[in-house]
Amino acid sequence: MIETGRMHQIRVHAQYAGHPLAGDDKYGDRDFDRKVHSQGLKRLFLHAHQLTFTNPTTDTIQTVKAPLSVELAAFLATL
C-alpha cells in the first residue's frame, strides 16, 4: 500500500521496480508509451481507487472512493 504520493514518488518507484506507468513521458518506456498512445491513451495511467485521510476540521477519518474513468476503462478493454 502506498502511504504518500509525494511528487513523482509513485512514478519513480514503479520505474525503479521495472514497471513504469503507461503514459509516463518522464519516467516511462518510450516505445511502450508510443503504442499505448496509438491505442487511445492520452494521459498517465495512474488512478487512486481509494483515499483515506483525517479531516482537519472534524478530526474524523474520511474515505473517498472513485471508479476508474471511462478513458482508462476503455484503454484496458483494448488489451
N, C-alpha and C. Protein backbone atom coordinates (compact mmCIF):
# COMPACT_ATOMS: atom_id res chain seq x y z
N MET A 1 0.84 -1.17 0.00
CA MET A 1 0.00 0.00 0.00
C MET A 1 0.89 1.24 0.00
N ILE A 2 0.55 2.18 -0.82
CA ILE A 2 1.28 3.43 -0.89
C ILE A 2 0.74 4.36 0.18
N GLU A 3 1.63 4.85 1.01
CA GLU A 3 1.22 5.71 2.12
C GLU A 3 1.15 7.18 1.72
N THR A 4 2.01 7.62 0.84
CA THR A 4 2.00 9.02 0.42
C THR A 4 2.13 9.08 -1.09
N GLY A 5 1.88 10.22 -1.64
CA GLY A 5 2.02 10.41 -3.08
C GLY A 5 2.89 11.62 -3.38
N ARG A 6 4.02 11.71 -2.71
CA ARG A 6 4.91 12.85 -2.95
C ARG A 6 5.19 12.98 -4.44
N MET A 7 5.52 14.18 -4.86
CA MET A 7 5.71 14.44 -6.29
C MET A 7 6.61 13.39 -6.94
N HIS A 8 6.08 12.73 -7.92
CA HIS A 8 6.77 11.73 -8.73
C HIS A 8 7.15 10.46 -7.98
N GLN A 9 6.89 10.35 -6.67
CA GLN A 9 7.32 9.20 -5.89
C GLN A 9 6.80 7.89 -6.47
N ILE A 10 5.53 7.82 -6.77
CA ILE A 10 4.94 6.59 -7.30
C ILE A 10 5.56 6.27 -8.65
N ARG A 11 5.71 7.26 -9.48
CA ARG A 11 6.26 7.07 -10.82
C ARG A 11 7.71 6.61 -10.75
N VAL A 12 8.50 7.19 -9.89
CA VAL A 12 9.91 6.82 -9.76
C VAL A 12 10.03 5.40 -9.22
N HIS A 13 9.27 5.07 -8.21
CA HIS A 13 9.34 3.72 -7.63
C HIS A 13 8.89 2.66 -8.63
N ALA A 14 7.85 2.95 -9.39
CA ALA A 14 7.38 2.00 -10.40
C ALA A 14 8.45 1.78 -11.46
N GLN A 15 9.09 2.85 -11.90
CA GLN A 15 10.15 2.73 -12.90
C GLN A 15 11.33 1.95 -12.35
N TYR A 16 11.72 2.24 -11.12
CA TYR A 16 12.84 1.56 -10.49
C TYR A 16 12.57 0.06 -10.35
N ALA A 17 11.32 -0.30 -10.10
CA ALA A 17 10.95 -1.71 -9.95
C ALA A 17 10.81 -2.41 -11.31
N GLY A 18 10.99 -1.65 -12.39
CA GLY A 18 10.90 -2.24 -13.71
C GLY A 18 9.49 -2.27 -14.27
N HIS A 19 8.60 -1.49 -13.67
CA HIS A 19 7.20 -1.44 -14.10
C HIS A 19 6.75 0.02 -14.25
N PRO A 20 7.32 0.73 -15.23
CA PRO A 20 6.93 2.13 -15.39
C PRO A 20 5.46 2.26 -15.75
N LEU A 21 4.87 3.36 -15.37
CA LEU A 21 3.46 3.60 -15.64
C LEU A 21 3.23 3.90 -17.12
N ALA A 22 2.15 3.38 -17.65
CA ALA A 22 1.79 3.66 -19.03
C ALA A 22 1.48 5.14 -19.17
N GLY A 23 2.00 5.74 -20.23
CA GLY A 23 1.76 7.15 -20.50
C GLY A 23 2.66 8.10 -19.75
N ASP A 24 3.66 7.59 -19.06
CA ASP A 24 4.56 8.44 -18.27
C ASP A 24 5.71 8.91 -19.16
N ASP A 25 5.62 10.15 -19.63
CA ASP A 25 6.63 10.66 -20.55
C ASP A 25 7.94 11.04 -19.87
N LYS A 26 7.96 11.06 -18.55
CA LYS A 26 9.19 11.40 -17.84
C LYS A 26 9.95 10.15 -17.38
N TYR A 27 9.26 9.18 -16.80
CA TYR A 27 9.91 8.00 -16.24
C TYR A 27 9.52 6.71 -16.96
N GLY A 28 8.71 6.81 -17.99
CA GLY A 28 8.17 5.63 -18.64
C GLY A 28 9.06 5.04 -19.72
N ASP A 29 8.49 4.08 -20.42
CA ASP A 29 9.14 3.39 -21.53
C ASP A 29 8.62 4.04 -22.82
N ARG A 30 9.50 4.71 -23.54
CA ARG A 30 9.07 5.49 -24.72
C ARG A 30 8.40 4.63 -25.79
N ASP A 31 8.98 3.46 -26.08
CA ASP A 31 8.39 2.59 -27.11
C ASP A 31 7.00 2.13 -26.70
N PHE A 32 6.87 1.69 -25.46
CA PHE A 32 5.57 1.24 -24.96
C PHE A 32 4.57 2.40 -24.96
N ASP A 33 5.02 3.56 -24.54
CA ASP A 33 4.12 4.72 -24.49
C ASP A 33 3.63 5.12 -25.87
N ARG A 34 4.47 4.96 -26.90
CA ARG A 34 4.01 5.23 -28.27
C ARG A 34 2.88 4.28 -28.64
N LYS A 35 3.02 3.01 -28.24
CA LYS A 35 1.99 2.02 -28.54
C LYS A 35 0.68 2.35 -27.82
N VAL A 36 0.77 2.66 -26.53
CA VAL A 36 -0.47 2.94 -25.80
C VAL A 36 -1.11 4.24 -26.27
N HIS A 37 -0.29 5.19 -26.68
CA HIS A 37 -0.83 6.44 -27.22
C HIS A 37 -1.61 6.16 -28.51
N SER A 38 -1.08 5.27 -29.34
CA SER A 38 -1.77 4.93 -30.59
C SER A 38 -3.06 4.15 -30.34
N GLN A 39 -3.18 3.55 -29.14
CA GLN A 39 -4.39 2.82 -28.78
C GLN A 39 -5.39 3.71 -28.04
N GLY A 40 -5.09 4.99 -27.94
CA GLY A 40 -6.06 5.92 -27.38
C GLY A 40 -5.75 6.47 -26.00
N LEU A 41 -4.71 5.97 -25.34
CA LEU A 41 -4.39 6.50 -24.01
C LEU A 41 -3.64 7.81 -24.18
N LYS A 42 -4.23 8.89 -23.74
CA LYS A 42 -3.64 10.22 -23.92
C LYS A 42 -3.19 10.84 -22.60
N ARG A 43 -3.08 10.02 -21.57
CA ARG A 43 -2.70 10.54 -20.25
C ARG A 43 -1.93 9.47 -19.48
N LEU A 44 -1.43 9.85 -18.36
CA LEU A 44 -0.76 8.92 -17.46
C LEU A 44 -1.77 7.93 -16.90
N PHE A 45 -1.45 6.65 -16.94
CA PHE A 45 -2.37 5.65 -16.39
C PHE A 45 -2.05 5.50 -14.90
N LEU A 46 -2.66 6.37 -14.12
CA LEU A 46 -2.50 6.34 -12.67
C LEU A 46 -3.84 6.73 -12.07
N HIS A 47 -4.34 5.89 -11.18
CA HIS A 47 -5.68 6.11 -10.64
C HIS A 47 -5.68 5.78 -9.15
N ALA A 48 -6.24 6.67 -8.35
CA ALA A 48 -6.42 6.41 -6.92
C ALA A 48 -7.83 5.87 -6.72
N HIS A 49 -7.93 4.58 -6.48
CA HIS A 49 -9.24 3.94 -6.26
C HIS A 49 -9.86 4.42 -4.95
N GLN A 50 -8.99 4.60 -3.94
CA GLN A 50 -9.49 4.99 -2.62
C GLN A 50 -8.46 5.84 -1.90
N LEU A 51 -8.92 6.90 -1.26
CA LEU A 51 -8.07 7.75 -0.43
C LEU A 51 -8.69 7.82 0.95
N THR A 52 -7.86 7.68 1.97
CA THR A 52 -8.32 7.79 3.35
C THR A 52 -7.44 8.82 4.05
N PHE A 53 -8.09 9.73 4.76
CA PHE A 53 -7.35 10.79 5.44
C PHE A 53 -8.15 11.27 6.65
N THR A 54 -7.47 11.99 7.52
CA THR A 54 -8.13 12.60 8.67
C THR A 54 -8.59 13.99 8.27
N ASN A 55 -9.88 14.23 8.43
CA ASN A 55 -10.45 15.53 8.12
C ASN A 55 -9.90 16.54 9.13
N PRO A 56 -9.21 17.58 8.67
CA PRO A 56 -8.59 18.52 9.60
C PRO A 56 -9.59 19.36 10.40
N THR A 57 -10.81 19.48 9.92
CA THR A 57 -11.82 20.26 10.61
C THR A 57 -12.54 19.45 11.68
N THR A 58 -12.92 18.22 11.33
CA THR A 58 -13.71 17.39 12.25
C THR A 58 -12.88 16.34 12.97
N ASP A 59 -11.64 16.15 12.55
CA ASP A 59 -10.74 15.14 13.11
C ASP A 59 -11.30 13.72 12.98
N THR A 60 -12.13 13.51 11.96
CA THR A 60 -12.67 12.18 11.70
C THR A 60 -11.99 11.59 10.47
N ILE A 61 -11.98 10.27 10.41
CA ILE A 61 -11.39 9.59 9.26
C ILE A 61 -12.37 9.66 8.09
N GLN A 62 -11.89 10.10 6.96
CA GLN A 62 -12.70 10.20 5.75
C GLN A 62 -12.13 9.25 4.70
N THR A 63 -13.00 8.56 4.00
CA THR A 63 -12.59 7.70 2.89
C THR A 63 -13.38 8.11 1.66
N VAL A 64 -12.66 8.31 0.58
CA VAL A 64 -13.26 8.69 -0.69
C VAL A 64 -12.88 7.62 -1.71
N LYS A 65 -13.87 7.09 -2.42
CA LYS A 65 -13.61 6.09 -3.46
C LYS A 65 -13.99 6.67 -4.81
N ALA A 66 -13.24 6.28 -5.83
CA ALA A 66 -13.51 6.77 -7.18
C ALA A 66 -13.44 5.61 -8.17
N PRO A 67 -14.45 5.46 -9.00
CA PRO A 67 -14.39 4.42 -10.02
C PRO A 67 -13.35 4.78 -11.08
N LEU A 68 -12.91 3.78 -11.81
CA LEU A 68 -11.99 4.01 -12.91
C LEU A 68 -12.67 4.87 -13.96
N SER A 69 -11.95 5.82 -14.51
CA SER A 69 -12.54 6.71 -15.51
C SER A 69 -12.91 5.94 -16.77
N VAL A 70 -13.83 6.49 -17.53
CA VAL A 70 -14.24 5.87 -18.79
C VAL A 70 -13.04 5.71 -19.71
N GLU A 71 -12.18 6.73 -19.75
CA GLU A 71 -11.00 6.70 -20.61
C GLU A 71 -10.06 5.54 -20.25
N LEU A 72 -9.78 5.36 -18.96
CA LEU A 72 -8.88 4.28 -18.56
C LEU A 72 -9.53 2.92 -18.74
N ALA A 73 -10.81 2.81 -18.45
CA ALA A 73 -11.52 1.54 -18.65
C ALA A 73 -11.54 1.16 -20.13
N ALA A 74 -11.74 2.14 -21.00
CA ALA A 74 -11.75 1.88 -22.44
C ALA A 74 -10.37 1.41 -22.91
N PHE A 75 -9.32 2.01 -22.36
CA PHE A 75 -7.97 1.57 -22.73
C PHE A 75 -7.73 0.13 -22.28
N LEU A 76 -8.13 -0.21 -21.07
CA LEU A 76 -7.96 -1.58 -20.58
C LEU A 76 -8.70 -2.58 -21.47
N ALA A 77 -9.82 -2.18 -22.01
CA ALA A 77 -10.60 -3.07 -22.88
C ALA A 77 -9.87 -3.38 -24.18
N THR A 78 -8.88 -2.55 -24.55
CA THR A 78 -8.12 -2.79 -25.79
C THR A 78 -7.01 -3.80 -25.59
N LEU A 79 -6.70 -4.14 -24.36
CA LEU A 79 -5.58 -5.06 -24.09
C LEU A 79 -5.98 -6.51 -24.26
